[in-house]
Amino acid sequence: MQKRRLLASAALAVTALGCGAASLTRTAGAAESPKQAPADNRRIAVVYFTKTGNTKSLAEAVRHMTGAALFRIETVEPYPESYGPATEIVKDELERGVIRPIRPLVFNPADYDVVVLATPTWWHHAAMPLQTWIRSVDLSSKKILTANTHGGGGLMHTREDFEALLAGRRLGTHLTVYGAVNPQDANVRSWLEENGCL
């Protein structure tokens, strides 16, 4: 009986080390103080781009469940607020291969074991601002989870984009969600459990 308790405690300790994290939000170079745990306990980061708020809700659900640090990618020149004109600009940029500059992000990969990358589906693909950031950072030693939100298009080519950008990296499974999610979303929780983060 004593041996079983020790083994169970050891298993819990390993799980906590693999996916435990502080609640810390960082956006475009501005950092907030940790809200739940000391900064030296940070283990999971969510790096995301959002336009309508759906992907932000996914990032916040992951933070709610794991205490992950949030890092929001922002473009130097914002896209129009209106959905229609923004989608036409995105389509044109994709067709012409335009890479819109992003704001610097204060992110140290050494602080995290797991990095969650979340994107809206933009014209069938991962958002270019997130792709730009991925190209700028070395995530070779990290476990990487990928996710996309959509308004009806589904997965499309988003996972393919991540696989191409992150060839040779340790990729977990991919999550696709329609619209916004609540902080207790069952699909998000199942995905995090499946990848050993809960």
C-alpha atoms as a PDB file:
ATOM      1  CA  MET A   1       0.000   0.000   0.000  1.00  0.00           C
ATOM      2  CA  GLN A   2       2.787   2.415   0.949  1.00  0.00           C
ATOM      3  CA  LYS A   3       4.615   1.578  -2.304  1.00  0.00           C
ATOM      4  CA  ARG A   4       1.472   2.371  -4.355  1.00  0.00           C
ATOM      5  CA  ARG A   5       1.090   5.750  -2.654  1.00  0.00           C
ATOM      6  CA  LEU A   6       4.729   6.601  -3.385  1.00  0.00           C
ATOM      7  CA  LEU A   7       4.311   5.611  -7.042  1.00  0.00           C
ATOM      8  CA  ALA A   8       1.108   7.651  -7.347  1.00  0.00           C
ATOM      9  CA  SER A   9       2.838  10.666  -5.769  1.00  0.00           C
ATOM     10  CA  ALA A  10       5.783  10.311  -8.129  1.00  0.00           C
ATOM     11  CA  ALA A  11       3.452  10.107 -11.143  1.00  0.00           C
ATOM     12  CA  LEU A  12       1.640  13.257 -10.039  1.00  0.00           C
ATOM     13  CA  ALA A  13       4.946  15.075  -9.565  1.00  0.00           C
ATOM     14  CA  VAL A  14       6.100  14.132 -13.077  1.00  0.00           C
ATOM     15  CA  THR A  15       2.775  15.276 -14.553  1.00  0.00           C
ATOM     16  CA  ALA A  16       2.962  18.581 -12.687  1.00  0.00           C
ATOM     17  CA  LEU A  17       6.499  19.188 -13.899  1.00  0.00           C
ATOM     18  CA  GLY A  18       5.545  18.446 -17.498  1.00  0.00           C
ATOM     19  CA  CYS A  19       2.592  20.787 -17.767  1.00  0.00           C
ATOM     20  CA  GLY A  20       2.361  22.980 -14.649  1.00  0.00           C
ATOM     21  CA  ALA A  21       2.413  26.706 -15.395  1.00  0.00           C
ATOM     22  CA  ALA A  22       1.973  30.147 -13.923  1.00  0.00           C
ATOM     23  CA  SER A  23      -0.881  32.346 -15.035  1.00  0.00           C
ATOM     24  CA  LEU A  24       0.945  35.063 -16.910  1.00  0.00           C
ATOM     25  CA  THR A  25      -0.251  37.159 -19.824  1.00  0.00           C
ATOM     26  CA  ARG A  26       2.131  38.820 -22.272  1.00  0.00           C
ATOM     27  CA  THR A  27       1.184  40.718 -25.391  1.00  0.00           C
ATOM     28  CA  ALA A  28       3.433  42.460 -27.880  1.00  0.00           C
ATOM     29  CA  GLY A  29       6.267  43.243 -25.494  1.00  0.00           C
ATOM     30  CA  ALA A  30       4.140  44.162 -22.478  1.00  0.00           C
ATOM     31  CA  ALA A  31       4.137  41.688 -19.597  1.00  0.00           C
ATOM     32  CA  GLU A  32       1.765  41.303 -16.676  1.00  0.00           C
ATOM     33  CA  SER A  33       2.739  39.915 -13.302  1.00  0.00           C
ATOM     34  CA  PRO A  34       2.008  36.255 -12.546  1.00  0.00           C
ATOM     35  CA  LYS A  35      -1.479  35.776 -11.109  1.00  0.00           C
ATOM     36  CA  GLN A  36      -1.295  32.332  -9.478  1.00  0.00           C
ATOM     37  CA  ALA A  37       2.203  30.884  -9.276  1.00  0.00           C
ATOM     38  CA  PRO A  38       5.769  32.187  -9.122  1.00  0.00           C
ATOM     39  CA  ALA A  39       7.393  33.015 -12.473  1.00  0.00           C
ATOM     40  CA  ASP A  40       9.941  30.204 -12.068  1.00  0.00           C
ATOM     41  CA  ASN A  41       7.097  27.627 -12.319  1.00  0.00           C
ATOM     42  CA  ARG A  42       6.097  28.689 -15.859  1.00  0.00           C
ATOM     43  CA  ARG A  43       5.952  25.633 -18.123  1.00  0.00           C
ATOM     44  CA  ILE A  44       3.191  26.130 -20.751  1.00  0.00           C
ATOM     45  CA  ALA A  45       2.918  29.065 -23.142  1.00  0.00           C
ATOM     46  CA  VAL A  46       0.089  29.838 -25.547  1.00  0.00           C
ATOM     47  CA  VAL A  47       1.166  31.939 -28.524  1.00  0.00           C
ATOM     48  CA  TYR A  48      -1.808  33.063 -30.573  1.00  0.00           C
ATOM     49  CA  PHE A  49      -3.133  35.507 -33.131  1.00  0.00           C
ATOM     50  CA  THR A  50      -6.754  36.646 -33.031  1.00  0.00           C
ATOM     51  CA  LYS A  51      -8.888  39.001 -35.080  1.00  0.00           C
ATOM     52  CA  THR A  52     -12.476  38.468 -33.947  1.00  0.00           C
ATOM     53  CA  GLY A  53     -11.747  37.161 -30.439  1.00  0.00           C
ATOM     54  CA  ASN A  54     -12.490  33.470 -31.075  1.00  0.00           C
ATOM     55  CA  THR A  55      -8.854  32.399 -30.887  1.00  0.00           C
ATOM     56  CA  LYS A  56      -8.370  34.603 -27.831  1.00  0.00           C
ATOM     57  CA  SER A  57     -11.188  32.690 -26.109  1.00  0.00           C
ATOM     58  CA  LEU A  58      -9.389  29.422 -26.898  1.00  0.00           C
ATOM     59  CA  ALA A  59      -6.093  30.774 -25.518  1.00  0.00           C
ATOM     60  CA  GLU A  60      -7.873  31.949 -22.368  1.00  0.00           C
ATOM     61  CA  ALA A  61      -9.545  28.545 -21.912  1.00  0.00           C
ATOM     62  CA  VAL A  62      -6.113  26.873 -22.034  1.00  0.00           C
ATOM     63  CA  ARG A  63      -4.836  29.400 -19.483  1.00  0.00           C
ATOM     64  CA  HIS A  64      -7.879  28.824 -17.265  1.00  0.00           C
ATOM     65  CA  MET A  65      -7.308  25.067 -17.234  1.00  0.00           C
ATOM     66  CA  THR A  66      -3.501  24.986 -17.053  1.00  0.00           C
ATOM     67  CA  GLY A  67      -2.329  28.370 -15.790  1.00  0.00           C
ATOM     68  CA  ALA A  68      -0.433  28.877 -19.080  1.00  0.00           C
ATOM     69  CA  ALA A  69       1.261  32.135 -19.999  1.00  0.00           C
ATOM     70  CA  LEU A  70      -0.430  33.952 -22.903  1.00  0.00           C
ATOM     71  CA  PHE A  71       1.434  35.683 -25.717  1.00  0.00           C
ATOM     72  CA  ARG A  72      -0.662  37.541 -28.297  1.00  0.00           C
ATOM     73  CA  ILE A  73       0.823  38.213 -31.724  1.00  0.00           C
ATOM     74  CA  GLU A  74      -0.051  41.662 -33.061  1.00  0.00           C
ATOM     75  CA  THR A  75       0.743  43.257 -36.395  1.00  0.00           C
ATOM     76  CA  VAL A  76       2.518  46.621 -36.565  1.00  0.00           C
ATOM     77  CA  GLU A  77      -0.265  47.916 -38.797  1.00  0.00           C
ATOM     78  CA  PRO A  78      -3.572  46.469 -37.569  1.00  0.00           C
ATOM     79  CA  TYR A  79      -6.060  44.906 -39.931  1.00  0.00           C
ATOM     80  CA  PRO A  80      -9.357  46.798 -40.390  1.00  0.00           C
ATOM     81  CA  GLU A  81     -11.903  46.212 -37.637  1.00  0.00           C
ATOM     82  CA  SER A  82     -14.643  45.440 -40.149  1.00  0.00           C
ATOM     83  CA  TYR A  83     -14.706  41.718 -41.023  1.00  0.00           C
ATOM     84  CA  GLY A  84     -15.384  42.017 -44.784  1.00  0.00           C
ATOM     85  CA  PRO A  85     -12.570  44.434 -45.659  1.00  0.00           C
ATOM     86  CA  ALA A  86     -10.150  42.548 -43.375  1.00  0.00           C
ATOM     87  CA  THR A  87     -10.819  39.233 -45.143  1.00  0.00           C
ATOM     88  CA  GLU A  88     -10.248  40.801 -48.570  1.00  0.00           C
ATOM     89  CA  ILE A  89      -6.919  42.256 -47.436  1.00  0.00           C
ATOM     90  CA  VAL A  90      -5.886  38.888 -45.973  1.00  0.00           C
ATOM     91  CA  LYS A  91      -6.797  37.116 -49.218  1.00  0.00           C
ATOM     92  CA  ASP A  92      -4.792  39.632 -51.266  1.00  0.00           C
ATOM     93  CA  GLU A  93      -1.767  39.343 -48.938  1.00  0.00           C
ATOM     94  CA  LEU A  94      -1.846  35.533 -49.145  1.00  0.00           C
ATOM     95  CA  GLU A  95      -2.091  35.586 -52.942  1.00  0.00           C
ATOM     96  CA  ARG A  96       0.784  38.070 -53.277  1.00  0.00           C
ATOM     97  CA  GLY A  97       2.925  36.530 -50.508  1.00  0.00           C
ATOM     98  CA  VAL A  98       2.871  39.725 -48.435  1.00  0.00           C
ATOM     99  CA  ILE A  99       4.327  39.335 -44.953  1.00  0.00           C
ATOM    100  CA  ARG A 100       2.891  41.975 -42.657  1.00  0.00           C
ATOM    101  CA  PRO A 101       5.404  42.968 -39.932  1.00  0.00           C
ATOM    102  CA  ILE A 102       4.535  41.930 -36.376  1.00  0.00           C
ATOM    103  CA  ARG A 103       5.279  43.684 -33.105  1.00  0.00           C
ATOM    104  CA  PRO A 104       8.187  42.309 -31.048  1.00  0.00           C
ATOM    105  CA  LEU A 105       7.133  39.677 -28.540  1.00  0.00           C
ATOM    106  CA  VAL A 106       8.925  39.169 -25.229  1.00  0.00           C
ATOM    107  CA  PHE A 107       9.143  35.385 -25.258  1.00  0.00           C
ATOM    108  CA  ASN A 108      11.951  33.188 -23.968  1.00  0.00           C
ATOM    109  CA  PRO A 109      11.560  29.591 -25.190  1.00  0.00           C
ATOM    110  CA  ALA A 110      13.808  28.371 -22.356  1.00  0.00           C
ATOM    111  CA  ASP A 111      11.050  29.264 -19.871  1.00  0.00           C
ATOM    112  CA  TYR A 112       8.592  26.709 -21.301  1.00  0.00           C
ATOM    113  CA  ASP A 113       8.357  22.997 -21.982  1.00  0.00           C
ATOM    114  CA  VAL A 114       5.079  23.081 -23.918  1.00  0.00           C
ATOM    115  CA  VAL A 115       4.091  25.712 -26.490  1.00  0.00           C
ATOM    116  CA  VAL A 116       0.511  25.897 -27.749  1.00  0.00           C
ATOM    117  CA  LEU A 117       0.126  27.668 -31.100  1.00  0.00           C
ATOM    118  CA  ALA A 118      -3.404  28.906 -31.854  1.00  0.00           C
ATOM    119  CA  THR A 119      -4.677  30.592 -34.998  1.00  0.00           C
ATOM    120  CA  PRO A 120      -7.873  31.576 -36.739  1.00  0.00           C
ATOM    121  CA  THR A 121      -8.374  29.928 -40.145  1.00  0.00           C
ATOM    122  CA  TRP A 122      -7.630  32.617 -42.720  1.00  0.00           C
ATOM    123  CA  TRP A 123      -8.491  31.701 -46.286  1.00  0.00           C
ATOM    124  CA  HIS A 124      -7.866  28.027 -45.487  1.00  0.00           C
ATOM    125  CA  HIS A 125      -4.533  28.643 -43.718  1.00  0.00           C
ATOM    126  CA  ALA A 126      -2.918  29.525 -40.402  1.00  0.00           C
ATOM    127  CA  ALA A 127      -2.843  33.321 -39.997  1.00  0.00           C
ATOM    128  CA  MET A 128       0.269  34.839 -41.566  1.00  0.00           C
ATOM    129  CA  PRO A 129       1.188  36.904 -38.466  1.00  0.00           C
ATOM    130  CA  LEU A 130       1.494  33.678 -36.429  1.00  0.00           C
ATOM    131  CA  GLN A 131       3.420  32.006 -39.251  1.00  0.00           C
ATOM    132  CA  THR A 132       5.808  34.991 -39.275  1.00  0.00           C
ATOM    133  CA  TRP A 133       6.426  34.603 -35.539  1.00  0.00           C
ATOM    134  CA  ILE A 134       6.983  30.833 -35.799  1.00  0.00           C
ATOM    135  CA  ARG A 135       9.687  31.447 -38.432  1.00  0.00           C
ATOM    136  CA  SER A 136      11.448  33.838 -36.039  1.00  0.00           C
ATOM    137  CA  VAL A 137      11.855  31.537 -33.000  1.00  0.00           C
ATOM    138  CA  ASP A 138      13.584  28.235 -32.247  1.00  0.00           C
ATOM    139  CA  LEU A 139      11.080  25.788 -30.777  1.00  0.00           C
ATOM    140  CA  SER A 140      13.161  22.695 -31.527  1.00  0.00           C
ATOM    141  CA  SER A 141      13.283  21.408 -27.943  1.00  0.00           C
ATOM    142  CA  LYS A 142       9.605  22.053 -27.134  1.00  0.00           C
ATOM    143  CA  LYS A 143       6.495  19.915 -27.261  1.00  0.00           C
ATOM    144  CA  ILE A 144       4.138  21.852 -29.523  1.00  0.00           C
ATOM    145  CA  LEU A 145       0.353  21.654 -29.607  1.00  0.00           C
ATOM    146  CA  THR A 146      -1.515  23.325 -32.469  1.00  0.00           C
ATOM    147  CA  ALA A 147      -5.077  24.589 -32.726  1.00  0.00           C
ATOM    148  CA  ASN A 148      -7.320  26.584 -35.003  1.00  0.00           C
ATOM    149  CA  THR A 149     -10.639  28.333 -34.659  1.00  0.00           C
ATOM    150  CA  HIS A 150     -12.992  28.816 -37.604  1.00  0.00           C
ATOM    151  CA  GLY A 151     -16.340  30.241 -38.608  1.00  0.00           C
ATOM    152  CA  GLY A 152     -17.405  27.297 -40.753  1.00  0.00           C
ATOM    153  CA  GLY A 153     -14.362  26.225 -42.762  1.00  0.00           C
ATOM    154  CA  GLY A 154     -13.052  23.662 -40.302  1.00  0.00           C
ATOM    155  CA  LEU A 155      -9.460  22.462 -40.277  1.00  0.00           C
ATOM    156  CA  MET A 156      -8.681  23.337 -43.921  1.00  0.00           C
ATOM    157  CA  HIS A 157      -4.840  23.593 -44.329  1.00  0.00           C
ATOM    158  CA  THR A 158      -3.981  24.893 -40.856  1.00  0.00           C
ATOM    159  CA  ARG A 159      -2.414  21.668 -39.526  1.00  0.00           C
ATOM    160  CA  GLU A 160      -0.506  21.233 -42.800  1.00  0.00           C
ATOM    161  CA  ASP A 161       0.857  24.768 -42.381  1.00  0.00           C
ATOM    162  CA  PHE A 162       2.012  23.990 -38.841  1.00  0.00           C
ATOM    163  CA  GLU A 163       3.608  20.704 -39.927  1.00  0.00           C
ATOM    164  CA  ALA A 164       5.504  22.460 -42.733  1.00  0.00           C
ATOM    165  CA  LEU A 165       6.669  25.298 -40.471  1.00  0.00           C
ATOM    166  CA  LEU A 166       7.614  22.938 -37.635  1.00  0.00           C
ATOM    167  CA  ALA A 167       9.114  20.008 -39.562  1.00  0.00           C
ATOM    168  CA  GLY A 168      11.151  17.777 -37.266  1.00  0.00           C
ATOM    169  CA  ARG A 169       9.612  19.240 -34.094  1.00  0.00           C
ATOM    170  CA  ARG A 170       7.717  17.276 -31.416  1.00  0.00           C
ATOM    171  CA  LEU A 171       4.090  17.914 -32.364  1.00  0.00           C
ATOM    172  CA  GLY A 172       1.133  16.886 -30.240  1.00  0.00           C
ATOM    173  CA  THR A 173      -2.358  16.534 -31.647  1.00  0.00           C
ATOM    174  CA  HIS A 174      -4.318  19.348 -33.294  1.00  0.00           C
ATOM    175  CA  LEU A 175      -7.577  20.887 -32.054  1.00  0.00           C
ATOM    176  CA  THR A 176     -10.135  22.527 -34.346  1.00  0.00           C
ATOM    177  CA  VAL A 177     -12.987  24.494 -32.778  1.00  0.00           C
ATOM    178  CA  TYR A 178     -15.911  26.397 -34.254  1.00  0.00           C
ATOM    179  CA  GLY A 179     -16.223  29.980 -33.027  1.00  0.00           C
ATOM    180  CA  ALA A 180     -15.490  30.974 -29.448  1.00  0.00           C
ATOM    181  CA  VAL A 181     -15.178  28.600 -26.493  1.00  0.00           C
ATOM    182  CA  ASN A 182     -15.962  28.983 -22.812  1.00  0.00           C
ATOM    183  CA  PRO A 183     -13.268  28.607 -20.120  1.00  0.00           C
ATOM    184  CA  GLN A 184     -14.480  25.078 -19.222  1.00  0.00           C
ATOM    185  CA  ASP A 185     -14.894  23.794 -22.790  1.00  0.00           C
ATOM    186  CA  ALA A 186     -14.990  19.976 -22.746  1.00  0.00           C
ATOM    187  CA  ASN A 187     -13.222  19.580 -26.112  1.00  0.00           C
ATOM    188  CA  VAL A 188     -10.354  21.829 -25.037  1.00  0.00           C
ATOM    189  CA  ARG A 189     -10.053  19.885 -21.775  1.00  0.00           C
ATOM    190  CA  SER A 190     -10.007  16.524 -23.596  1.00  0.00           C
ATOM    191  CA  TRP A 191      -7.333  17.792 -26.000  1.00  0.00           C
ATOM    192  CA  LEU A 192      -5.142  19.004 -23.139  1.00  0.00           C
ATOM    193  CA  GLU A 193      -5.599  15.701 -21.290  1.00  0.00           C
ATOM    194  CA  GLU A 194      -4.775  13.724 -24.449  1.00  0.00           C
ATOM    195  CA  ASN A 195      -1.514  15.662 -24.719  1.00  0.00           C
ATOM    196  CA  GLY A 196      -0.558  15.206 -21.055  1.00  0.00           C
ATOM    197  CA  CYS A 197      -1.172  18.795 -19.977  1.00  0.00           C
ATOM    198  CA  LEU A 198      -3.898  18.066 -17.408  1.00  0.00           C
END
